[in-house]
Amino acid sequence: MMNKKIVSSMIATALLTTGFTSSVLAHQAGDIIVRAGAVVVAPNESSQDVLGLGEFSVDDNTQLGLNFGYMITDNIGIELLAATPFSHDVSLDGVGKIAETKHLPPTLVAQYYFGDANSKLRPYVGAGVNFTNFFDNEFTNDLNGALTDLSMTNSWGVAAQVGLDYQINDSWLVNASVWYAQISTDVKFNFNGDAQKVETDIDPWVYMVSVGYTF
């Protein structure tokens, strides 16, 4: 419910502030925009039943986020979201934490910015594709040696975002954005020597607050 409220608020702000202008020049065709700040991945996970113990649960993680954007026109841009590797604890009901995994989720989107080059506040929406690479997967509780050989398949999925840029001057800006990414993986491991595969959807909400510079 909180996620929906945040997204709804940002969309409403985008619609209300489309006409907000000032003398500061904001994004224009040909601009390169680099943003850096804190990014939180909050999984909205679900999975098949795991050994009769319920579904996997995956905790949140915060890392340094980096955005690289290019304005094709005054209103249309493309953006790549990158970050330092995210690390997540994986748990099971009644057992607690059983594993850890890391991932990198580069995401490329096409964007539409509301307003014009004289708008100090530029709300935008975007849609594109996410690729997630999982690595350093390991059991932290192997149930007395019963769990071995943990791996997770990489994922391709759709992504969407809403965001707001506030232009401080012709070069510097502050930003807030919310992303949703479709991330699905097959969690593979051996249980007492028998191969197991658990289909798992992570589908996180991603929140970022950053400072940007326009070239």
N, C-alpha and C. Protein backbone atom coordinates (compact mmCIF):
# COMPACT_ATOMS: atom_id res chain seq x y z
N MET A 1 0.83 -1.20 0.00
CA MET A 1 0.00 0.00 0.00
C MET A 1 0.87 1.25 0.00
N MET A 2 1.95 1.26 0.81
CA MET A 2 2.83 2.42 0.85
C MET A 2 3.47 2.66 -0.50
N ASN A 3 3.89 1.57 -1.20
CA ASN A 3 4.49 1.72 -2.52
C ASN A 3 3.53 2.40 -3.47
N LYS A 4 2.25 1.99 -3.45
CA LYS A 4 1.26 2.57 -4.34
C LYS A 4 1.03 4.04 -4.02
N LYS A 5 1.06 4.41 -2.73
CA LYS A 5 0.87 5.80 -2.34
C LYS A 5 2.02 6.66 -2.85
N ILE A 6 3.25 6.15 -2.76
CA ILE A 6 4.41 6.91 -3.22
C ILE A 6 4.32 7.15 -4.72
N VAL A 7 4.03 6.08 -5.47
CA VAL A 7 3.93 6.21 -6.92
C VAL A 7 2.81 7.15 -7.31
N SER A 8 1.63 7.02 -6.65
CA SER A 8 0.50 7.89 -6.96
C SER A 8 0.84 9.35 -6.69
N SER A 9 1.55 9.61 -5.58
CA SER A 9 1.91 10.98 -5.24
C SER A 9 2.83 11.58 -6.28
N MET A 10 3.80 10.78 -6.77
CA MET A 10 4.74 11.29 -7.76
C MET A 10 4.04 11.57 -9.09
N ILE A 11 3.13 10.70 -9.48
CA ILE A 11 2.38 10.92 -10.72
C ILE A 11 1.52 12.18 -10.61
N ALA A 12 0.86 12.34 -9.46
CA ALA A 12 0.02 13.53 -9.26
C ALA A 12 0.86 14.80 -9.31
N THR A 13 2.04 14.75 -8.69
CA THR A 13 2.92 15.91 -8.72
C THR A 13 3.36 16.22 -10.14
N ALA A 14 3.64 15.16 -10.91
CA ALA A 14 4.05 15.35 -12.30
C ALA A 14 2.97 16.08 -13.08
N LEU A 15 1.72 15.70 -12.89
CA LEU A 15 0.63 16.32 -13.63
C LEU A 15 0.40 17.76 -13.19
N LEU A 16 0.56 18.02 -11.90
CA LEU A 16 0.29 19.35 -11.36
C LEU A 16 1.38 20.35 -11.68
N THR A 17 2.62 19.85 -11.90
CA THR A 17 3.75 20.76 -12.04
C THR A 17 4.26 20.88 -13.46
N THR A 18 3.53 20.33 -14.41
CA THR A 18 3.97 20.37 -15.80
C THR A 18 4.25 21.80 -16.26
N GLY A 19 3.47 22.75 -15.81
CA GLY A 19 3.62 24.11 -16.29
C GLY A 19 4.53 24.97 -15.45
N PHE A 20 5.20 24.44 -14.45
CA PHE A 20 6.05 25.22 -13.56
C PHE A 20 7.33 25.60 -14.30
N THR A 21 7.59 26.87 -14.47
CA THR A 21 8.75 27.31 -15.24
C THR A 21 9.56 28.33 -14.48
N SER A 22 10.81 28.56 -14.95
CA SER A 22 11.67 29.60 -14.40
C SER A 22 12.70 29.95 -15.46
N SER A 23 13.61 30.88 -15.13
CA SER A 23 14.62 31.30 -16.08
C SER A 23 15.77 30.30 -16.19
N VAL A 24 15.85 29.35 -15.29
CA VAL A 24 16.91 28.34 -15.34
C VAL A 24 16.65 27.39 -16.50
N LEU A 25 17.67 27.17 -17.33
CA LEU A 25 17.53 26.22 -18.42
C LEU A 25 17.69 24.81 -17.89
N ALA A 26 16.70 23.96 -18.13
CA ALA A 26 16.76 22.57 -17.67
C ALA A 26 17.24 21.70 -18.82
N HIS A 27 16.68 20.50 -18.95
CA HIS A 27 17.17 19.55 -19.94
C HIS A 27 16.83 20.00 -21.36
N GLN A 28 17.83 19.88 -22.23
CA GLN A 28 17.66 20.20 -23.63
C GLN A 28 18.23 19.07 -24.48
N ALA A 29 17.82 19.02 -25.74
CA ALA A 29 18.34 18.01 -26.65
C ALA A 29 19.87 18.05 -26.66
N GLY A 30 20.47 16.88 -26.55
CA GLY A 30 21.93 16.78 -26.56
C GLY A 30 22.56 16.77 -25.19
N ASP A 31 21.80 17.08 -24.13
CA ASP A 31 22.36 17.08 -22.78
C ASP A 31 22.68 15.66 -22.31
N ILE A 32 23.77 15.54 -21.57
CA ILE A 32 24.11 14.31 -20.85
C ILE A 32 23.90 14.58 -19.37
N ILE A 33 23.15 13.71 -18.70
CA ILE A 33 22.82 13.91 -17.29
C ILE A 33 23.38 12.73 -16.49
N VAL A 34 24.18 13.05 -15.48
CA VAL A 34 24.73 12.02 -14.60
C VAL A 34 24.19 12.27 -13.19
N ARG A 35 23.58 11.25 -12.59
CA ARG A 35 23.04 11.36 -11.24
C ARG A 35 23.70 10.32 -10.35
N ALA A 36 23.92 10.67 -9.08
CA ALA A 36 24.48 9.74 -8.11
C ALA A 36 23.79 9.94 -6.77
N GLY A 37 23.47 8.83 -6.09
CA GLY A 37 22.80 8.94 -4.80
C GLY A 37 22.52 7.58 -4.19
N ALA A 38 21.65 7.57 -3.21
CA ALA A 38 21.29 6.34 -2.52
C ALA A 38 20.14 5.66 -3.23
N VAL A 39 20.27 4.35 -3.45
CA VAL A 39 19.22 3.58 -4.11
C VAL A 39 18.88 2.36 -3.27
N VAL A 40 17.59 2.16 -3.03
CA VAL A 40 17.11 1.06 -2.20
C VAL A 40 16.34 0.07 -3.07
N VAL A 41 16.72 -1.21 -3.01
CA VAL A 41 15.98 -2.27 -3.67
C VAL A 41 15.13 -2.98 -2.61
N ALA A 42 13.81 -2.94 -2.79
CA ALA A 42 12.86 -3.54 -1.85
C ALA A 42 12.10 -4.65 -2.56
N PRO A 43 12.55 -5.90 -2.43
CA PRO A 43 11.90 -7.01 -3.14
C PRO A 43 10.43 -7.20 -2.77
N ASN A 44 9.65 -7.55 -3.77
CA ASN A 44 8.24 -7.91 -3.60
C ASN A 44 8.13 -9.38 -4.00
N GLU A 45 8.82 -10.24 -3.25
CA GLU A 45 9.12 -11.59 -3.70
C GLU A 45 7.98 -12.58 -3.49
N SER A 46 8.00 -13.62 -4.31
CA SER A 46 7.14 -14.80 -4.15
C SER A 46 7.87 -15.96 -4.79
N SER A 47 7.58 -17.18 -4.33
CA SER A 47 8.26 -18.34 -4.89
C SER A 47 7.40 -19.58 -4.74
N GLN A 48 7.81 -20.65 -5.41
CA GLN A 48 7.21 -21.94 -5.16
C GLN A 48 7.57 -22.38 -3.74
N ASP A 49 6.84 -23.38 -3.24
CA ASP A 49 7.14 -23.90 -1.91
C ASP A 49 8.54 -24.50 -1.90
N VAL A 50 9.26 -24.25 -0.82
CA VAL A 50 10.65 -24.72 -0.69
C VAL A 50 10.71 -25.83 0.35
N LEU A 51 10.81 -27.07 -0.08
CA LEU A 51 11.01 -28.23 0.80
C LEU A 51 9.93 -28.32 1.88
N GLY A 52 8.72 -27.86 1.54
CA GLY A 52 7.64 -27.90 2.51
C GLY A 52 7.75 -26.89 3.63
N LEU A 53 8.66 -25.91 3.47
CA LEU A 53 8.91 -24.93 4.52
C LEU A 53 8.37 -23.54 4.17
N GLY A 54 7.65 -23.42 3.07
CA GLY A 54 7.11 -22.13 2.68
C GLY A 54 7.91 -21.49 1.56
N GLU A 55 7.73 -20.18 1.37
CA GLU A 55 8.38 -19.45 0.29
C GLU A 55 9.65 -18.75 0.77
N PHE A 56 10.52 -18.44 -0.19
CA PHE A 56 11.68 -17.62 0.12
C PHE A 56 11.23 -16.21 0.48
N SER A 57 11.94 -15.57 1.40
CA SER A 57 11.80 -14.14 1.63
C SER A 57 13.17 -13.50 1.45
N VAL A 58 13.17 -12.27 0.90
CA VAL A 58 14.41 -11.58 0.54
C VAL A 58 14.38 -10.19 1.15
N ASP A 59 15.45 -9.80 1.87
CA ASP A 59 15.44 -8.51 2.56
C ASP A 59 15.84 -7.37 1.64
N ASP A 60 15.60 -6.13 2.10
CA ASP A 60 15.95 -4.92 1.34
C ASP A 60 17.46 -4.68 1.41
N ASN A 61 17.95 -3.85 0.49
CA ASN A 61 19.35 -3.45 0.54
C ASN A 61 19.52 -2.08 -0.10
N THR A 62 20.45 -1.28 0.44
CA THR A 62 20.74 0.06 -0.05
C THR A 62 22.17 0.13 -0.57
N GLN A 63 22.35 0.74 -1.73
CA GLN A 63 23.67 0.88 -2.32
C GLN A 63 23.81 2.25 -2.98
N LEU A 64 24.99 2.52 -3.54
CA LEU A 64 25.23 3.73 -4.32
C LEU A 64 24.66 3.53 -5.71
N GLY A 65 23.74 4.40 -6.12
CA GLY A 65 23.14 4.31 -7.44
C GLY A 65 23.70 5.35 -8.38
N LEU A 66 23.83 4.98 -9.65
CA LEU A 66 24.33 5.88 -10.68
C LEU A 66 23.38 5.84 -11.87
N ASN A 67 23.01 7.01 -12.38
CA ASN A 67 22.17 7.13 -13.58
C ASN A 67 22.93 7.87 -14.65
N PHE A 68 22.85 7.38 -15.86
CA PHE A 68 23.47 8.05 -16.99
C PHE A 68 22.39 8.29 -18.04
N GLY A 69 22.07 9.56 -18.29
CA GLY A 69 20.99 9.89 -19.19
C GLY A 69 21.45 10.71 -20.38
N TYR A 70 20.69 10.61 -21.48
CA TYR A 70 20.96 11.41 -22.67
C TYR A 70 19.64 11.91 -23.22
N MET A 71 19.56 13.23 -23.47
CA MET A 71 18.34 13.83 -23.99
C MET A 71 18.37 13.81 -25.52
N ILE A 72 17.49 13.02 -26.13
CA ILE A 72 17.39 12.94 -27.59
C ILE A 72 16.72 14.19 -28.12
N THR A 73 15.66 14.62 -27.46
CA THR A 73 15.00 15.90 -27.73
C THR A 73 14.83 16.61 -26.39
N ASP A 74 14.16 17.75 -26.37
CA ASP A 74 13.90 18.45 -25.10
C ASP A 74 13.01 17.64 -24.17
N ASN A 75 12.24 16.69 -24.72
CA ASN A 75 11.27 15.94 -23.93
C ASN A 75 11.50 14.44 -23.89
N ILE A 76 12.34 13.92 -24.76
CA ILE A 76 12.56 12.47 -24.83
C ILE A 76 14.01 12.16 -24.51
N GLY A 77 14.20 11.22 -23.59
CA GLY A 77 15.54 10.83 -23.21
C GLY A 77 15.66 9.33 -23.05
N ILE A 78 16.89 8.87 -22.87
CA ILE A 78 17.17 7.48 -22.51
C ILE A 78 18.04 7.51 -21.26
N GLU A 79 17.93 6.46 -20.44
CA GLU A 79 18.67 6.45 -19.18
C GLU A 79 19.08 5.04 -18.82
N LEU A 80 20.31 4.91 -18.32
CA LEU A 80 20.82 3.64 -17.80
C LEU A 80 20.98 3.76 -16.30
N LEU A 81 20.35 2.85 -15.57
CA LEU A 81 20.50 2.79 -14.12
C LEU A 81 21.54 1.74 -13.78
N ALA A 82 22.54 2.12 -13.01
CA ALA A 82 23.56 1.20 -12.53
C ALA A 82 23.74 1.42 -11.03
N ALA A 83 24.49 0.52 -10.38
CA ALA A 83 24.68 0.64 -8.93
C ALA A 83 25.83 -0.26 -8.51
N THR A 84 26.35 -0.01 -7.31
CA THR A 84 27.26 -0.97 -6.71
C THR A 84 26.46 -2.24 -6.37
N PRO A 85 27.11 -3.40 -6.28
CA PRO A 85 26.36 -4.66 -6.12
C PRO A 85 25.45 -4.68 -4.89
N PHE A 86 24.22 -5.12 -5.09
CA PHE A 86 23.28 -5.30 -4.00
C PHE A 86 23.52 -6.66 -3.35
N SER A 87 23.35 -6.71 -2.03
CA SER A 87 23.52 -7.94 -1.27
C SER A 87 22.25 -8.20 -0.46
N HIS A 88 21.70 -9.42 -0.57
CA HIS A 88 20.43 -9.73 0.07
C HIS A 88 20.53 -11.01 0.90
N ASP A 89 19.90 -10.98 2.07
CA ASP A 89 19.71 -12.19 2.88
C ASP A 89 18.45 -12.90 2.40
N VAL A 90 18.54 -14.23 2.29
CA VAL A 90 17.40 -15.05 1.88
C VAL A 90 17.00 -15.93 3.05
N SER A 91 15.70 -15.93 3.39
CA SER A 91 15.22 -16.65 4.57
C SER A 91 14.07 -17.58 4.24
N LEU A 92 13.80 -18.51 5.17
CA LEU A 92 12.64 -19.40 5.09
C LEU A 92 11.90 -19.36 6.42
N ASP A 93 10.57 -19.42 6.37
CA ASP A 93 9.77 -19.44 7.58
C ASP A 93 10.18 -20.62 8.46
N GLY A 94 10.33 -20.36 9.76
CA GLY A 94 10.66 -21.43 10.70
C GLY A 94 12.12 -21.81 10.73
N VAL A 95 12.88 -21.30 9.75
CA VAL A 95 14.32 -21.63 9.69
C VAL A 95 15.16 -20.38 9.88
N GLY A 96 14.69 -19.25 9.33
CA GLY A 96 15.45 -18.02 9.37
C GLY A 96 16.35 -17.90 8.16
N LYS A 97 17.39 -17.11 8.29
CA LYS A 97 18.30 -16.87 7.18
C LYS A 97 19.01 -18.16 6.79
N ILE A 98 18.96 -18.48 5.48
CA ILE A 98 19.64 -19.68 5.02
C ILE A 98 20.69 -19.38 3.94
N ALA A 99 20.62 -18.19 3.32
CA ALA A 99 21.53 -17.93 2.21
C ALA A 99 21.74 -16.44 2.01
N GLU A 100 22.74 -16.14 1.20
CA GLU A 100 23.02 -14.77 0.77
C GLU A 100 23.24 -14.78 -0.74
N THR A 101 22.87 -13.69 -1.39
CA THR A 101 23.13 -13.54 -2.81
C THR A 101 23.47 -12.08 -3.11
N LYS A 102 24.19 -11.87 -4.18
CA LYS A 102 24.47 -10.52 -4.67
C LYS A 102 23.96 -10.42 -6.10
N HIS A 103 23.64 -9.18 -6.50
CA HIS A 103 23.22 -9.01 -7.89
C HIS A 103 23.50 -7.60 -8.39
N LEU A 104 23.62 -7.50 -9.70
CA LEU A 104 23.70 -6.22 -10.40
C LEU A 104 22.52 -6.15 -11.36
N PRO A 105 21.74 -5.07 -11.29
CA PRO A 105 20.52 -4.98 -12.12
C PRO A 105 20.53 -3.82 -13.12
N PRO A 106 21.48 -3.74 -14.05
CA PRO A 106 21.44 -2.62 -15.00
C PRO A 106 20.09 -2.56 -15.73
N THR A 107 19.57 -1.34 -15.83
CA THR A 107 18.23 -1.14 -16.41
C THR A 107 18.28 0.02 -17.40
N LEU A 108 17.77 -0.21 -18.60
CA LEU A 108 17.76 0.81 -19.64
C LEU A 108 16.32 1.18 -19.96
N VAL A 109 16.02 2.48 -19.93
CA VAL A 109 14.65 2.93 -20.19
C VAL A 109 14.63 4.09 -21.17
N ALA A 110 13.52 4.21 -21.89
CA ALA A 110 13.20 5.40 -22.67
C ALA A 110 12.27 6.26 -21.83
N GLN A 111 12.47 7.57 -21.87
CA GLN A 111 11.75 8.46 -20.95
C GLN A 111 11.03 9.58 -21.70
N TYR A 112 9.94 10.04 -21.09
CA TYR A 112 9.28 11.25 -21.55
C TYR A 112 9.27 12.26 -20.41
N TYR A 113 9.84 13.45 -20.66
CA TYR A 113 9.89 14.53 -19.68
C TYR A 113 8.78 15.54 -19.97
N PHE A 114 8.00 15.86 -18.95
CA PHE A 114 6.96 16.87 -19.08
C PHE A 114 7.58 18.27 -19.00
N GLY A 115 6.87 19.26 -19.50
CA GLY A 115 7.39 20.62 -19.48
C GLY A 115 8.30 20.88 -20.66
N ASP A 116 9.09 21.99 -20.57
CA ASP A 116 10.00 22.34 -21.66
C ASP A 116 11.36 22.70 -21.09
N ALA A 117 12.26 23.17 -21.95
CA ALA A 117 13.64 23.45 -21.55
C ALA A 117 13.74 24.56 -20.51
N ASN A 118 12.68 25.38 -20.34
CA ASN A 118 12.69 26.43 -19.33
C ASN A 118 12.04 26.00 -18.02
N SER A 119 11.61 24.74 -17.94
CA SER A 119 10.94 24.24 -16.73
C SER A 119 11.98 23.86 -15.69
N LYS A 120 11.87 24.47 -14.55
CA LYS A 120 12.80 24.17 -13.47
C LYS A 120 12.53 22.81 -12.86
N LEU A 121 11.27 22.41 -12.87
CA LEU A 121 10.87 21.11 -12.33
C LEU A 121 10.44 20.23 -13.51
N ARG A 122 11.12 19.09 -13.70
CA ARG A 122 10.82 18.22 -14.83
C ARG A 122 10.38 16.84 -14.34
N PRO A 123 9.09 16.59 -14.22
CA PRO A 123 8.62 15.25 -13.94
C PRO A 123 8.75 14.39 -15.21
N TYR A 124 8.94 13.09 -15.02
CA TYR A 124 9.10 12.22 -16.18
C TYR A 124 8.61 10.81 -15.87
N VAL A 125 8.35 10.08 -16.93
CA VAL A 125 8.00 8.66 -16.83
C VAL A 125 8.90 7.91 -17.79
N GLY A 126 9.10 6.62 -17.53
CA GLY A 126 9.97 5.83 -18.39
C GLY A 126 9.57 4.37 -18.40
N ALA A 127 10.00 3.67 -19.44
CA ALA A 127 9.75 2.23 -19.55
C ALA A 127 10.88 1.61 -20.35
N GLY A 128 11.24 0.38 -20.00
CA GLY A 128 12.34 -0.26 -20.70
C GLY A 128 12.56 -1.68 -20.25
N VAL A 129 13.83 -2.08 -20.16
CA VAL A 129 14.18 -3.47 -19.89
C VAL A 129 15.23 -3.55 -18.79
N ASN A 130 15.11 -4.57 -17.97
CA ASN A 130 16.05 -4.84 -16.88
C ASN A 130 16.78 -6.15 -17.12
N PHE A 131 18.09 -6.15 -16.85
CA PHE A 131 18.87 -7.39 -16.83
C PHE A 131 19.47 -7.53 -15.44
N THR A 132 19.28 -8.67 -14.80
CA THR A 132 19.82 -8.89 -13.46
C THR A 132 20.76 -10.09 -13.46
N ASN A 133 21.98 -9.84 -13.00
CA ASN A 133 23.00 -10.88 -12.89
C ASN A 133 23.20 -11.23 -11.42
N PHE A 134 22.92 -12.49 -11.05
CA PHE A 134 23.13 -12.96 -9.68
C PHE A 134 24.50 -13.63 -9.56
N PHE A 135 25.18 -13.38 -8.44
CA PHE A 135 26.50 -13.99 -8.23
C PHE A 135 26.78 -14.09 -6.73
N ASP A 136 27.87 -14.78 -6.39
CA ASP A 136 28.24 -15.01 -4.98
C ASP A 136 27.07 -15.56 -4.17
N ASN A 137 26.40 -16.56 -4.74
CA ASN A 137 25.29 -17.21 -4.04
C ASN A 137 25.85 -18.27 -3.10
N GLU A 138 25.46 -18.23 -1.82
CA GLU A 138 25.98 -19.22 -0.88
C GLU A 138 25.01 -19.46 0.26
N PHE A 139 25.00 -20.70 0.74
CA PHE A 139 24.20 -21.03 1.92
C PHE A 139 24.95 -20.59 3.17
N THR A 140 24.23 -19.91 4.06
CA THR A 140 24.79 -19.55 5.37
C THR A 140 24.30 -20.52 6.45
N ASN A 141 23.23 -21.24 6.15
CA ASN A 141 22.74 -22.32 7.01
C ASN A 141 22.40 -23.47 6.08
N ASP A 142 23.28 -24.50 6.04
CA ASP A 142 23.08 -25.59 5.08
C ASP A 142 22.31 -26.77 5.67
N LEU A 143 21.64 -26.54 6.81
CA LEU A 143 20.84 -27.59 7.47
C LEU A 143 21.67 -28.85 7.67
N ASN A 144 22.82 -28.65 8.35
CA ASN A 144 23.72 -29.76 8.69
C ASN A 144 24.22 -30.50 7.46
N GLY A 145 24.54 -29.73 6.41
CA GLY A 145 25.12 -30.31 5.22
C GLY A 145 24.12 -30.80 4.19
N ALA A 146 22.82 -30.63 4.45
CA ALA A 146 21.81 -31.13 3.51
C ALA A 146 21.70 -30.25 2.27
N LEU A 147 22.01 -28.94 2.39
CA LEU A 147 21.89 -28.00 1.28
C LEU A 147 23.26 -27.71 0.69
N THR A 148 23.40 -27.89 -0.63
CA THR A 148 24.67 -27.62 -1.31
C THR A 148 24.40 -27.04 -2.70
N ASP A 149 25.47 -26.50 -3.29
CA ASP A 149 25.49 -26.11 -4.71
C ASP A 149 24.39 -25.12 -5.09
N LEU A 150 24.34 -24.00 -4.38
CA LEU A 150 23.34 -22.98 -4.66
C LEU A 150 23.71 -22.15 -5.90
N SER A 151 22.76 -21.94 -6.78
CA SER A 151 22.94 -21.05 -7.93
C SER A 151 21.61 -20.39 -8.27
N MET A 152 21.68 -19.25 -8.98
CA MET A 152 20.48 -18.53 -9.40
C MET A 152 20.67 -18.06 -10.83
N THR A 153 19.68 -18.32 -11.67
CA THR A 153 19.78 -17.94 -13.08
C THR A 153 19.59 -16.43 -13.24
N ASN A 154 20.24 -15.87 -14.26
CA ASN A 154 20.07 -14.45 -14.57
C ASN A 154 18.67 -14.18 -15.11
N SER A 155 18.28 -12.91 -15.12
CA SER A 155 16.91 -12.55 -15.46
C SER A 155 16.85 -11.38 -16.44
N TRP A 156 15.91 -11.47 -17.40
CA TRP A 156 15.52 -10.35 -18.24
C TRP A 156 14.05 -10.03 -17.95
N GLY A 157 13.70 -8.74 -17.86
CA GLY A 157 12.31 -8.39 -17.62
C GLY A 157 12.04 -6.94 -17.94
N VAL A 158 10.78 -6.56 -17.91
CA VAL A 158 10.40 -5.18 -18.18
C VAL A 158 10.62 -4.32 -16.94
N ALA A 159 10.75 -3.02 -17.15
CA ALA A 159 10.94 -2.07 -16.06
C ALA A 159 10.18 -0.79 -16.37
N ALA A 160 9.77 -0.08 -15.31
CA ALA A 160 9.06 1.19 -15.47
C ALA A 160 9.51 2.13 -14.35
N GLN A 161 9.37 3.44 -14.58
CA GLN A 161 9.80 4.41 -13.58
C GLN A 161 8.94 5.67 -13.66
N VAL A 162 8.90 6.41 -12.55
CA VAL A 162 8.45 7.79 -12.51
C VAL A 162 9.49 8.56 -11.70
N GLY A 163 9.69 9.82 -12.06
CA GLY A 163 10.70 10.59 -11.35
C GLY A 163 10.49 12.08 -11.48
N LEU A 164 11.28 12.83 -10.71
CA LEU A 164 11.24 14.30 -10.71
C LEU A 164 12.66 14.83 -10.66
N ASP A 165 13.00 15.73 -11.56
CA ASP A 165 14.25 16.48 -11.50
C ASP A 165 13.92 17.92 -11.12
N TYR A 166 14.66 18.47 -10.16
CA TYR A 166 14.54 19.88 -9.82
C TYR A 166 15.87 20.55 -10.13
N GLN A 167 15.85 21.48 -11.08
CA GLN A 167 17.06 22.12 -11.56
C GLN A 167 17.45 23.26 -10.62
N ILE A 168 18.62 23.13 -9.96
CA ILE A 168 19.10 24.17 -9.04
C ILE A 168 19.67 25.34 -9.84
N ASN A 169 20.49 25.01 -10.84
CA ASN A 169 21.02 26.00 -11.77
C ASN A 169 21.21 25.31 -13.12
N ASP A 170 21.95 25.92 -14.04
CA ASP A 170 22.07 25.34 -15.37
C ASP A 170 22.80 24.01 -15.39
N SER A 171 23.52 23.68 -14.32
CA SER A 171 24.31 22.45 -14.29
C SER A 171 23.83 21.44 -13.26
N TRP A 172 23.45 21.90 -12.07
CA TRP A 172 23.15 20.99 -10.96
C TRP A 172 21.65 20.79 -10.77
N LEU A 173 21.30 19.58 -10.33
CA LEU A 173 19.90 19.26 -10.06
C LEU A 173 19.81 18.26 -8.92
N VAL A 174 18.61 18.13 -8.35
CA VAL A 174 18.32 17.07 -7.39
C VAL A 174 17.19 16.23 -7.97
N ASN A 175 17.17 14.95 -7.60
CA ASN A 175 16.26 14.01 -8.23
C ASN A 175 15.67 13.04 -7.21
N ALA A 176 14.43 12.63 -7.46
CA ALA A 176 13.81 11.52 -6.74
C ALA A 176 13.10 10.65 -7.78
N SER A 177 13.27 9.34 -7.68
CA SER A 177 12.64 8.46 -8.66
C SER A 177 12.24 7.14 -8.02
N VAL A 178 11.24 6.51 -8.62
CA VAL A 178 10.75 5.20 -8.20
C VAL A 178 10.72 4.30 -9.42
N TRP A 179 11.26 3.09 -9.27
CA TRP A 179 11.31 2.11 -10.35
C TRP A 179 10.56 0.85 -9.94
N TYR A 180 10.07 0.13 -10.94
CA TYR A 180 9.57 -1.23 -10.73
C TYR A 180 10.23 -2.12 -11.77
N ALA A 181 10.79 -3.24 -11.33
CA ALA A 181 11.48 -4.14 -12.26
C ALA A 181 10.93 -5.55 -12.11
N GLN A 182 10.75 -6.20 -13.24
CA GLN A 182 10.30 -7.59 -13.27
C GLN A 182 11.54 -8.48 -13.26
N ILE A 183 11.78 -9.16 -12.14
CA ILE A 183 12.96 -10.02 -12.00
C ILE A 183 12.50 -11.41 -11.56
N SER A 184 12.77 -12.41 -12.39
CA SER A 184 12.43 -13.80 -12.10
C SER A 184 13.68 -14.66 -12.23
N THR A 185 13.85 -15.62 -11.34
CA THR A 185 15.02 -16.48 -11.36
C THR A 185 14.67 -17.89 -10.93
N ASP A 186 15.41 -18.86 -11.42
CA ASP A 186 15.31 -20.23 -10.93
C ASP A 186 16.41 -20.44 -9.90
N VAL A 187 15.99 -20.71 -8.66
CA VAL A 187 16.96 -20.99 -7.60
C VAL A 187 17.23 -22.49 -7.61
N LYS A 188 18.48 -22.85 -7.86
CA LYS A 188 18.85 -24.26 -7.98
C LYS A 188 19.80 -24.65 -6.85
N PHE A 189 19.59 -25.85 -6.31
CA PHE A 189 20.46 -26.35 -5.24
C PHE A 189 20.23 -27.85 -5.10
N ASN A 190 21.06 -28.49 -4.32
CA ASN A 190 20.89 -29.90 -4.00
C ASN A 190 20.44 -30.04 -2.55
N PHE A 191 19.48 -30.91 -2.32
CA PHE A 191 19.03 -31.23 -0.97
C PHE A 191 19.25 -32.73 -0.74
N ASN A 192 20.19 -33.03 0.15
CA ASN A 192 20.60 -34.43 0.38
C ASN A 192 20.95 -35.14 -0.93
N GLY A 193 21.62 -34.37 -1.81
CA GLY A 193 22.08 -34.94 -3.07
C GLY A 193 21.07 -34.89 -4.20
N ASP A 194 19.82 -34.52 -3.94
CA ASP A 194 18.79 -34.47 -4.97
C ASP A 194 18.67 -33.04 -5.51
N ALA A 195 18.68 -32.91 -6.85
CA ALA A 195 18.60 -31.59 -7.47
C ALA A 195 17.22 -30.97 -7.26
N GLN A 196 17.22 -29.67 -6.89
CA GLN A 196 15.99 -28.92 -6.66
C GLN A 196 16.00 -27.65 -7.52
N LYS A 197 14.82 -27.23 -7.94
CA LYS A 197 14.68 -25.96 -8.66
C LYS A 197 13.42 -25.26 -8.16
N VAL A 198 13.59 -24.02 -7.70
CA VAL A 198 12.47 -23.25 -7.15
C VAL A 198 12.31 -21.97 -7.97
N GLU A 199 11.20 -21.86 -8.68
CA GLU A 199 10.93 -20.64 -9.45
C GLU A 199 10.58 -19.51 -8.49
N THR A 200 11.31 -18.40 -8.65
CA THR A 200 11.19 -17.29 -7.69
C THR A 200 11.05 -15.96 -8.43
N ASP A 201 10.04 -15.17 -8.05
CA ASP A 201 9.87 -13.81 -8.56
C ASP A 201 10.31 -12.83 -7.48
N ILE A 202 11.20 -11.92 -7.84
CA ILE A 202 11.67 -10.92 -6.87
C ILE A 202 10.96 -9.59 -7.08
N ASP A 203 10.79 -9.16 -8.32
CA ASP A 203 9.95 -8.02 -8.70
C ASP A 203 10.04 -6.84 -7.73
N PRO A 204 11.22 -6.23 -7.58
CA PRO A 204 11.38 -5.20 -6.55
C PRO A 204 10.84 -3.83 -6.94
N TRP A 205 10.51 -3.04 -5.93
CA TRP A 205 10.38 -1.60 -6.05
C TRP A 205 11.75 -1.02 -5.74
N VAL A 206 12.16 -0.02 -6.50
CA VAL A 206 13.48 0.58 -6.34
C VAL A 206 13.30 2.08 -6.14
N TYR A 207 13.87 2.61 -5.05
CA TYR A 207 13.71 4.02 -4.71
C TYR A 207 15.08 4.70 -4.74
N MET A 208 15.14 5.86 -5.35
CA MET A 208 16.43 6.56 -5.45
C MET A 208 16.27 8.05 -5.20
N VAL A 209 17.19 8.60 -4.40
CA VAL A 209 17.31 10.04 -4.18
C VAL A 209 18.73 10.40 -4.56
N SER A 210 18.91 11.41 -5.42
CA SER A 210 20.24 11.66 -5.95
C SER A 210 20.46 13.14 -6.25
N VAL A 211 21.73 13.44 -6.53
CA VAL A 211 22.16 14.74 -7.03
C VAL A 211 22.69 14.51 -8.44
N GLY A 212 22.37 15.41 -9.37
CA GLY A 212 22.79 15.23 -10.74
C GLY A 212 23.54 16.42 -11.30
N TYR A 213 24.28 16.14 -12.39
CA TYR A 213 25.02 17.20 -13.09
C TYR A 213 24.73 17.05 -14.57
N THR A 214 24.47 18.17 -15.23
CA THR A 214 24.16 18.18 -16.66
C THR A 214 25.34 18.72 -17.46
N PHE A 215 25.75 17.96 -18.46
CA PHE A 215 26.85 18.37 -19.33
C PHE A 215 26.29 18.91 -20.66
